[in-house]
Amino acid sequence: MLVRSLAALALILAAAPTAALAASPEAAAPPEAAWVTLTGVGLPIIADGRVRNHVFVEMKLHLKPGLAPEQARAKNTAIRDALIREGHRRSLGEARNWNRLDERALAAAVMQIANTQLGRGSVLRVEVVRQTPRMRVRNPV
């Protein structure tokens, strides 16, 4: 009887570490997707052919699995420069609010630039984290 108890205890102890590893959330969860932050990009709000305000924006670029954040950080300056040029080419601001950028238009522009700079599909989505206007201006009526 004692031998059976010891054998059962040995089997339980041998299986315990593998059961604990299988139940751990680190083993079950896929690796966390990488992202890169673009901070302090100042974009103009253009209305009626005039610059009405500047908005400084902070964004997260969520990268596809397998793309190292260092690769995207190496292209950070090129992405920022292209985005500023695009912001001067066409207004990325909201139509009736001179204190905010249109997040959809901004994300589409960043995705297009990222496809050119990093390769098609390398950025999965763009998240606008913060928008800070240079000054608070009255919106058009």
C-alpha atoms as a PDB file:
ATOM      1  CA  MET A   1       0.000   0.000   0.000  1.00  0.00           C
ATOM      2  CA  LEU A   2       2.813   2.339   0.883  1.00  0.00           C
ATOM      3  CA  VAL A   3       4.583   1.506  -2.368  1.00  0.00           C
ATOM      4  CA  ARG A   4       1.457   2.382  -4.397  1.00  0.00           C
ATOM      5  CA  SER A   5       1.107   5.707  -2.571  1.00  0.00           C
ATOM      6  CA  LEU A   6       4.733   6.578  -3.188  1.00  0.00           C
ATOM      7  CA  ALA A   7       4.437   5.627  -6.879  1.00  0.00           C
ATOM      8  CA  ALA A   8       1.288   7.752  -7.271  1.00  0.00           C
ATOM      9  CA  LEU A   9       2.974  10.663  -5.509  1.00  0.00           C
ATOM     10  CA  ALA A  10       6.011  10.352  -7.800  1.00  0.00           C
ATOM     11  CA  LEU A  11       3.752  10.449 -10.877  1.00  0.00           C
ATOM     12  CA  ILE A  12       1.904  13.502  -9.589  1.00  0.00           C
ATOM     13  CA  LEU A  13       5.155  15.332  -8.860  1.00  0.00           C
ATOM     14  CA  ALA A  14       6.594  14.432 -12.269  1.00  0.00           C
ATOM     15  CA  ALA A  15       3.493  15.722 -14.078  1.00  0.00           C
ATOM     16  CA  ALA A  16       3.093  18.899 -12.005  1.00  0.00           C
ATOM     17  CA  PRO A  17       5.749  21.061 -13.726  1.00  0.00           C
ATOM     18  CA  THR A  18       4.415  20.293 -17.213  1.00  0.00           C
ATOM     19  CA  ALA A  19       0.844  20.985 -16.101  1.00  0.00           C
ATOM     20  CA  ALA A  20       1.939  24.270 -14.563  1.00  0.00           C
ATOM     21  CA  LEU A  21       3.742  25.263 -17.771  1.00  0.00           C
ATOM     22  CA  ALA A  22       0.747  24.373 -19.916  1.00  0.00           C
ATOM     23  CA  ALA A  23      -1.567  26.404 -17.696  1.00  0.00           C
ATOM     24  CA  SER A  24       0.645  29.505 -17.581  1.00  0.00           C
ATOM     25  CA  PRO A  25      -0.694  32.485 -19.548  1.00  0.00           C
ATOM     26  CA  GLU A  26       2.732  33.176 -21.052  1.00  0.00           C
ATOM     27  CA  ALA A  27       2.802  29.820 -22.800  1.00  0.00           C
ATOM     28  CA  ALA A  28      -0.772  30.066 -24.087  1.00  0.00           C
ATOM     29  CA  ALA A  29      -0.705  33.713 -25.261  1.00  0.00           C
ATOM     30  CA  PRO A  30       0.879  34.600 -28.585  1.00  0.00           C
ATOM     31  CA  PRO A  31       3.805  37.019 -28.478  1.00  0.00           C
ATOM     32  CA  GLU A  32       2.734  40.633 -28.058  1.00  0.00           C
ATOM     33  CA  ALA A  33       2.675  42.622 -31.277  1.00  0.00           C
ATOM     34  CA  ALA A  34       5.308  45.308 -31.595  1.00  0.00           C
ATOM     35  CA  TRP A  35       4.580  48.988 -32.046  1.00  0.00           C
ATOM     36  CA  VAL A  36       6.482  52.206 -32.592  1.00  0.00           C
ATOM     37  CA  THR A  37       5.555  55.687 -31.407  1.00  0.00           C
ATOM     38  CA  LEU A  38       5.656  58.798 -33.569  1.00  0.00           C
ATOM     39  CA  THR A  39       5.631  61.812 -31.259  1.00  0.00           C
ATOM     40  CA  GLY A  40       5.449  65.543 -31.713  1.00  0.00           C
ATOM     41  CA  VAL A  41       4.511  65.642 -35.378  1.00  0.00           C
ATOM     42  CA  GLY A  42       3.141  69.132 -36.024  1.00  0.00           C
ATOM     43  CA  LEU A  43       0.558  69.251 -38.809  1.00  0.00           C
ATOM     44  CA  PRO A  44      -1.199  72.350 -40.122  1.00  0.00           C
ATOM     45  CA  ILE A  45      -4.955  72.870 -40.233  1.00  0.00           C
ATOM     46  CA  ILE A  46      -5.619  74.518 -43.590  1.00  0.00           C
ATOM     47  CA  ALA A  47      -8.977  76.094 -44.394  1.00  0.00           C
ATOM     48  CA  ASP A  48      -9.845  78.488 -47.221  1.00  0.00           C
ATOM     49  CA  GLY A  49      -6.253  78.388 -48.412  1.00  0.00           C
ATOM     50  CA  ARG A  50      -4.873  79.638 -45.084  1.00  0.00           C
ATOM     51  CA  VAL A  51      -3.139  77.926 -42.204  1.00  0.00           C
ATOM     52  CA  ARG A  52      -5.559  78.312 -39.289  1.00  0.00           C
ATOM     53  CA  ASN A  53      -3.742  76.308 -36.623  1.00  0.00           C
ATOM     54  CA  HIS A  54      -1.138  73.609 -36.017  1.00  0.00           C
ATOM     55  CA  VAL A  55      -1.899  70.400 -34.157  1.00  0.00           C
ATOM     56  CA  PHE A  56       0.825  68.266 -32.611  1.00  0.00           C
ATOM     57  CA  VAL A  57      -0.040  64.602 -32.709  1.00  0.00           C
ATOM     58  CA  GLU A  58       1.310  61.438 -31.096  1.00  0.00           C
ATOM     59  CA  MET A  59       0.611  58.118 -32.824  1.00  0.00           C
ATOM     60  CA  LYS A  60       1.335  54.429 -32.356  1.00  0.00           C
ATOM     61  CA  LEU A  61       2.118  52.344 -35.412  1.00  0.00           C
ATOM     62  CA  HIS A  62       1.173  48.726 -34.730  1.00  0.00           C
ATOM     63  CA  LEU A  63       3.576  46.523 -36.674  1.00  0.00           C
ATOM     64  CA  LYS A  64       2.983  43.150 -38.251  1.00  0.00           C
ATOM     65  CA  PRO A  65       4.413  40.146 -36.426  1.00  0.00           C
ATOM     66  CA  GLY A  66       8.002  39.508 -37.370  1.00  0.00           C
ATOM     67  CA  LEU A  67       8.858  43.145 -38.112  1.00  0.00           C
ATOM     68  CA  ALA A  68      11.363  44.409 -35.564  1.00  0.00           C
ATOM     69  CA  PRO A  69      10.599  47.793 -34.016  1.00  0.00           C
ATOM     70  CA  GLU A  70      14.190  48.809 -34.763  1.00  0.00           C
ATOM     71  CA  GLN A  71      13.448  48.577 -38.505  1.00  0.00           C
ATOM     72  CA  ALA A  72      10.535  50.977 -38.127  1.00  0.00           C
ATOM     73  CA  ARG A  73      12.467  53.312 -35.823  1.00  0.00           C
ATOM     74  CA  ALA A  74      15.191  53.560 -38.471  1.00  0.00           C
ATOM     75  CA  LYS A  75      12.562  54.994 -40.857  1.00  0.00           C
ATOM     76  CA  ASN A  76      10.980  57.280 -38.231  1.00  0.00           C
ATOM     77  CA  THR A  77      12.450  60.480 -39.691  1.00  0.00           C
ATOM     78  CA  ALA A  78      11.444  59.609 -43.249  1.00  0.00           C
ATOM     79  CA  ILE A  79       7.878  58.786 -42.163  1.00  0.00           C
ATOM     80  CA  ARG A  80       7.582  62.029 -40.176  1.00  0.00           C
ATOM     81  CA  ASP A  81       8.941  64.134 -43.052  1.00  0.00           C
ATOM     82  CA  ALA A  82       6.611  62.529 -45.576  1.00  0.00           C
ATOM     83  CA  LEU A  83       3.654  63.038 -43.237  1.00  0.00           C
ATOM     84  CA  ILE A  84       4.457  66.729 -42.773  1.00  0.00           C
ATOM     85  CA  ARG A  85       4.739  67.160 -46.569  1.00  0.00           C
ATOM     86  CA  GLU A  86       1.372  65.421 -46.976  1.00  0.00           C
ATOM     87  CA  GLY A  87      -0.142  67.667 -44.307  1.00  0.00           C
ATOM     88  CA  HIS A  88       0.927  70.734 -46.274  1.00  0.00           C
ATOM     89  CA  ARG A  89      -0.306  69.264 -49.559  1.00  0.00           C
ATOM     90  CA  ARG A  90      -3.830  68.648 -48.261  1.00  0.00           C
ATOM     91  CA  SER A  91      -5.489  69.482 -44.988  1.00  0.00           C
ATOM     92  CA  LEU A  92      -5.810  66.596 -42.573  1.00  0.00           C
ATOM     93  CA  GLY A  93      -7.930  68.689 -40.222  1.00  0.00           C
ATOM     94  CA  GLU A  94     -11.593  68.228 -39.413  1.00  0.00           C
ATOM     95  CA  ALA A  95     -13.892  70.281 -41.613  1.00  0.00           C
ATOM     96  CA  ARG A  96     -15.553  72.319 -38.850  1.00  0.00           C
ATOM     97  CA  ASN A  97     -12.975  72.119 -36.058  1.00  0.00           C
ATOM     98  CA  TRP A  98      -9.672  73.951 -36.392  1.00  0.00           C
ATOM     99  CA  ASN A  99      -8.369  72.388 -33.185  1.00  0.00           C
ATOM    100  CA  ARG A 100      -8.396  68.718 -34.240  1.00  0.00           C
ATOM    101  CA  LEU A 101      -7.170  66.459 -37.010  1.00  0.00           C
ATOM    102  CA  ASP A 102      -9.413  64.021 -38.833  1.00  0.00           C
ATOM    103  CA  GLU A 103      -8.164  60.731 -37.397  1.00  0.00           C
ATOM    104  CA  ARG A 104      -9.337  58.632 -40.354  1.00  0.00           C
ATOM    105  CA  ALA A 105      -7.608  60.849 -42.907  1.00  0.00           C
ATOM    106  CA  LEU A 106      -4.485  60.961 -40.752  1.00  0.00           C
ATOM    107  CA  ALA A 107      -4.403  57.166 -40.335  1.00  0.00           C
ATOM    108  CA  ALA A 108      -4.911  56.649 -44.081  1.00  0.00           C
ATOM    109  CA  ALA A 109      -2.048  59.022 -44.877  1.00  0.00           C
ATOM    110  CA  VAL A 110       0.263  57.326 -42.373  1.00  0.00           C
ATOM    111  CA  MET A 111      -0.636  53.868 -43.697  1.00  0.00           C
ATOM    112  CA  GLN A 112       0.148  54.962 -47.260  1.00  0.00           C
ATOM    113  CA  ILE A 113       3.480  56.454 -46.196  1.00  0.00           C
ATOM    114  CA  ALA A 114       4.357  53.375 -44.109  1.00  0.00           C
ATOM    115  CA  ASN A 115       3.601  51.089 -47.053  1.00  0.00           C
ATOM    116  CA  THR A 116       6.100  53.081 -49.102  1.00  0.00           C
ATOM    117  CA  GLN A 117       8.785  53.355 -46.409  1.00  0.00           C
ATOM    118  CA  LEU A 118       8.539  49.977 -44.643  1.00  0.00           C
ATOM    119  CA  GLY A 119       6.859  47.742 -47.211  1.00  0.00           C
ATOM    120  CA  ARG A 120       3.250  46.895 -47.941  1.00  0.00           C
ATOM    121  CA  GLY A 121       1.371  45.505 -44.945  1.00  0.00           C
ATOM    122  CA  SER A 122       4.131  46.200 -42.429  1.00  0.00           C
ATOM    123  CA  VAL A 123       1.880  48.485 -40.359  1.00  0.00           C
ATOM    124  CA  LEU A 124      -1.388  46.857 -39.310  1.00  0.00           C
ATOM    125  CA  ARG A 125      -3.066  49.949 -37.894  1.00  0.00           C
ATOM    126  CA  VAL A 126      -2.429  53.475 -36.718  1.00  0.00           C
ATOM    127  CA  GLU A 127      -3.632  54.599 -33.315  1.00  0.00           C
ATOM    128  CA  VAL A 128      -3.847  58.330 -32.613  1.00  0.00           C
ATOM    129  CA  VAL A 129      -2.874  58.655 -28.967  1.00  0.00           C
ATOM    130  CA  ARG A 130      -2.972  62.415 -28.429  1.00  0.00           C
ATOM    131  CA  GLN A 131      -3.761  65.624 -30.307  1.00  0.00           C
ATOM    132  CA  THR A 132      -2.615  68.950 -28.908  1.00  0.00           C
ATOM    133  CA  PRO A 133      -3.454  72.166 -30.771  1.00  0.00           C
ATOM    134  CA  ARG A 134      -0.838  74.896 -30.776  1.00  0.00           C
ATOM    135  CA  MET A 135      -3.522  77.361 -29.747  1.00  0.00           C
ATOM    136  CA  ARG A 136      -7.250  77.193 -29.162  1.00  0.00           C
ATOM    137  CA  VAL A 137      -8.993  78.946 -32.050  1.00  0.00           C
ATOM    138  CA  ARG A 138     -12.641  79.667 -32.675  1.00  0.00           C
ATOM    139  CA  ASN A 139     -14.213  77.282 -35.106  1.00  0.00           C
ATOM    140  CA  PRO A 140     -15.948  78.625 -38.199  1.00  0.00           C
ATOM    141  CA  VAL A 141     -19.664  79.163 -37.916  1.00  0.00           C
END
